[in-house]
N, C-alpha and C. Protein backbone atom coordinates (compact mmCIF):
# COMPACT_ATOMS: atom_id res chain seq x y z
N UNK A 1 -1.35 -35.13 4.38
CA UNK A 1 -0.59 -33.92 4.66
C UNK A 1 -0.32 -33.88 6.16
N UNK A 2 0.92 -33.57 6.50
CA UNK A 2 1.26 -33.53 7.92
C UNK A 2 0.71 -32.27 8.56
N UNK A 3 0.60 -32.32 9.87
CA UNK A 3 0.04 -31.19 10.61
C UNK A 3 0.91 -29.95 10.47
N UNK A 4 2.24 -30.09 10.52
CA UNK A 4 3.11 -28.92 10.42
C UNK A 4 3.03 -28.29 9.03
N UNK A 5 2.94 -29.11 7.98
CA UNK A 5 2.80 -28.57 6.63
C UNK A 5 1.47 -27.84 6.49
N UNK A 6 0.45 -28.38 7.07
CA UNK A 6 -0.86 -27.74 7.03
C UNK A 6 -0.81 -26.39 7.75
N UNK A 7 -0.13 -26.33 8.89
CA UNK A 7 0.00 -25.06 9.62
C UNK A 7 0.75 -24.03 8.79
N UNK A 8 1.81 -24.45 8.12
CA UNK A 8 2.59 -23.54 7.29
C UNK A 8 1.72 -22.99 6.15
N UNK A 9 0.95 -23.85 5.52
CA UNK A 9 0.09 -23.41 4.42
C UNK A 9 -0.98 -22.44 4.90
N UNK A 10 -1.55 -22.72 6.06
CA UNK A 10 -2.58 -21.82 6.61
C UNK A 10 -1.97 -20.47 6.95
N UNK A 11 -0.79 -20.46 7.57
CA UNK A 11 -0.13 -19.20 7.91
C UNK A 11 0.23 -18.41 6.65
N UNK A 12 0.69 -19.10 5.63
CA UNK A 12 1.02 -18.42 4.37
C UNK A 12 -0.23 -17.82 3.74
N UNK A 13 -1.32 -18.55 3.77
CA UNK A 13 -2.57 -18.05 3.21
C UNK A 13 -3.08 -16.83 3.98
N UNK A 14 -2.88 -16.83 5.29
CA UNK A 14 -3.32 -15.69 6.10
C UNK A 14 -2.40 -14.49 5.92
N UNK A 15 -1.13 -14.72 5.66
CA UNK A 15 -0.17 -13.63 5.52
C UNK A 15 -0.28 -12.94 4.16
N UNK A 16 -0.73 -13.65 3.15
CA UNK A 16 -0.76 -13.11 1.80
C UNK A 16 -1.56 -11.80 1.67
N UNK A 17 -2.76 -11.71 2.21
CA UNK A 17 -3.49 -10.43 2.10
C UNK A 17 -2.76 -9.28 2.79
N UNK A 18 -2.09 -9.56 3.88
CA UNK A 18 -1.33 -8.52 4.58
C UNK A 18 -0.18 -8.00 3.73
N UNK A 19 0.46 -8.88 3.02
CA UNK A 19 1.58 -8.47 2.17
C UNK A 19 1.10 -7.63 1.00
N UNK A 20 0.00 -8.00 0.41
CA UNK A 20 -0.52 -7.22 -0.72
C UNK A 20 -1.08 -5.90 -0.23
N UNK A 21 -1.60 -5.86 0.98
CA UNK A 21 -2.12 -4.61 1.53
C UNK A 21 -0.99 -3.61 1.71
N UNK A 22 0.20 -4.06 2.07
CA UNK A 22 1.34 -3.15 2.22
C UNK A 22 1.64 -2.48 0.88
N UNK A 23 1.61 -3.23 -0.19
CA UNK A 23 1.86 -2.64 -1.50
C UNK A 23 0.77 -1.65 -1.87
N UNK A 24 -0.45 -1.98 -1.53
CA UNK A 24 -1.57 -1.10 -1.84
C UNK A 24 -1.46 0.20 -1.05
N UNK A 25 -1.15 0.10 0.22
CA UNK A 25 -1.02 1.29 1.06
C UNK A 25 0.13 2.16 0.58
N UNK A 26 1.23 1.54 0.17
CA UNK A 26 2.35 2.31 -0.35
C UNK A 26 1.95 3.04 -1.63
N UNK A 27 1.17 2.39 -2.47
CA UNK A 27 0.70 3.02 -3.70
C UNK A 27 -0.21 4.19 -3.42
N UNK A 28 -1.09 4.03 -2.46
CA UNK A 28 -1.99 5.13 -2.08
C UNK A 28 -1.18 6.29 -1.54
N UNK A 29 -0.17 5.99 -0.74
CA UNK A 29 0.69 7.05 -0.21
C UNK A 29 1.37 7.84 -1.32
N UNK A 30 1.84 7.15 -2.34
CA UNK A 30 2.49 7.83 -3.46
C UNK A 30 1.48 8.70 -4.21
N UNK A 31 0.26 8.19 -4.39
CA UNK A 31 -0.78 8.96 -5.08
C UNK A 31 -1.13 10.22 -4.30
N UNK A 32 -1.26 10.10 -2.99
CA UNK A 32 -1.61 11.25 -2.15
C UNK A 32 -0.47 12.27 -2.19
N UNK A 33 0.76 11.79 -2.16
CA UNK A 33 1.91 12.69 -2.22
C UNK A 33 1.91 13.46 -3.53
N UNK A 34 1.68 12.77 -4.62
CA UNK A 34 1.66 13.41 -5.94
C UNK A 34 0.54 14.44 -6.01
N UNK A 35 -0.63 14.10 -5.47
CA UNK A 35 -1.75 15.04 -5.47
C UNK A 35 -1.40 16.28 -4.64
N UNK A 36 -0.74 16.09 -3.53
CA UNK A 36 -0.32 17.22 -2.70
C UNK A 36 0.66 18.12 -3.43
N UNK A 37 1.57 17.53 -4.19
CA UNK A 37 2.52 18.32 -4.97
C UNK A 37 1.80 19.16 -6.02
N UNK A 38 0.81 18.57 -6.68
CA UNK A 38 0.05 19.29 -7.70
C UNK A 38 -0.72 20.44 -7.06
N UNK A 39 -1.34 20.21 -5.93
CA UNK A 39 -2.10 21.25 -5.23
C UNK A 39 -1.17 22.38 -4.80
N UNK A 40 0.00 22.03 -4.28
CA UNK A 40 0.95 23.05 -3.86
C UNK A 40 1.43 23.88 -5.04
N UNK A 41 1.69 23.23 -6.17
CA UNK A 41 2.14 23.95 -7.36
C UNK A 41 1.05 24.89 -7.87
N UNK A 42 -0.18 24.42 -7.91
CA UNK A 42 -1.30 25.26 -8.35
C UNK A 42 -1.52 26.43 -7.41
N UNK A 43 -1.36 26.21 -6.12
CA UNK A 43 -1.52 27.30 -5.15
C UNK A 43 -0.44 28.36 -5.35
N UNK A 44 0.78 27.93 -5.63
CA UNK A 44 1.86 28.89 -5.89
C UNK A 44 1.58 29.70 -7.15
N UNK A 45 1.11 29.04 -8.18
CA UNK A 45 0.80 29.74 -9.42
C UNK A 45 -0.35 30.72 -9.22
N UNK A 46 -1.32 30.37 -8.39
CA UNK A 46 -2.46 31.26 -8.15
C UNK A 46 -2.04 32.50 -7.36
N UNK A 47 -1.02 32.34 -6.51
CA UNK A 47 -0.54 33.49 -5.73
C UNK A 47 0.13 34.52 -6.62
N UNK A 48 0.79 34.06 -7.66
CA UNK A 48 1.57 34.97 -8.53
C UNK A 48 0.75 35.58 -9.59
């Protein structure tokens, strides 16, 4: 295996967790947003 190919493979292996973390963080953000909407709706209903 050539040195440049080895560098590319190492960089790809290091980048992979970062890419999946972005998807995970986006998912958590959506979950938190949904939870906030539910809390806001329940608070409005409790006021009335």
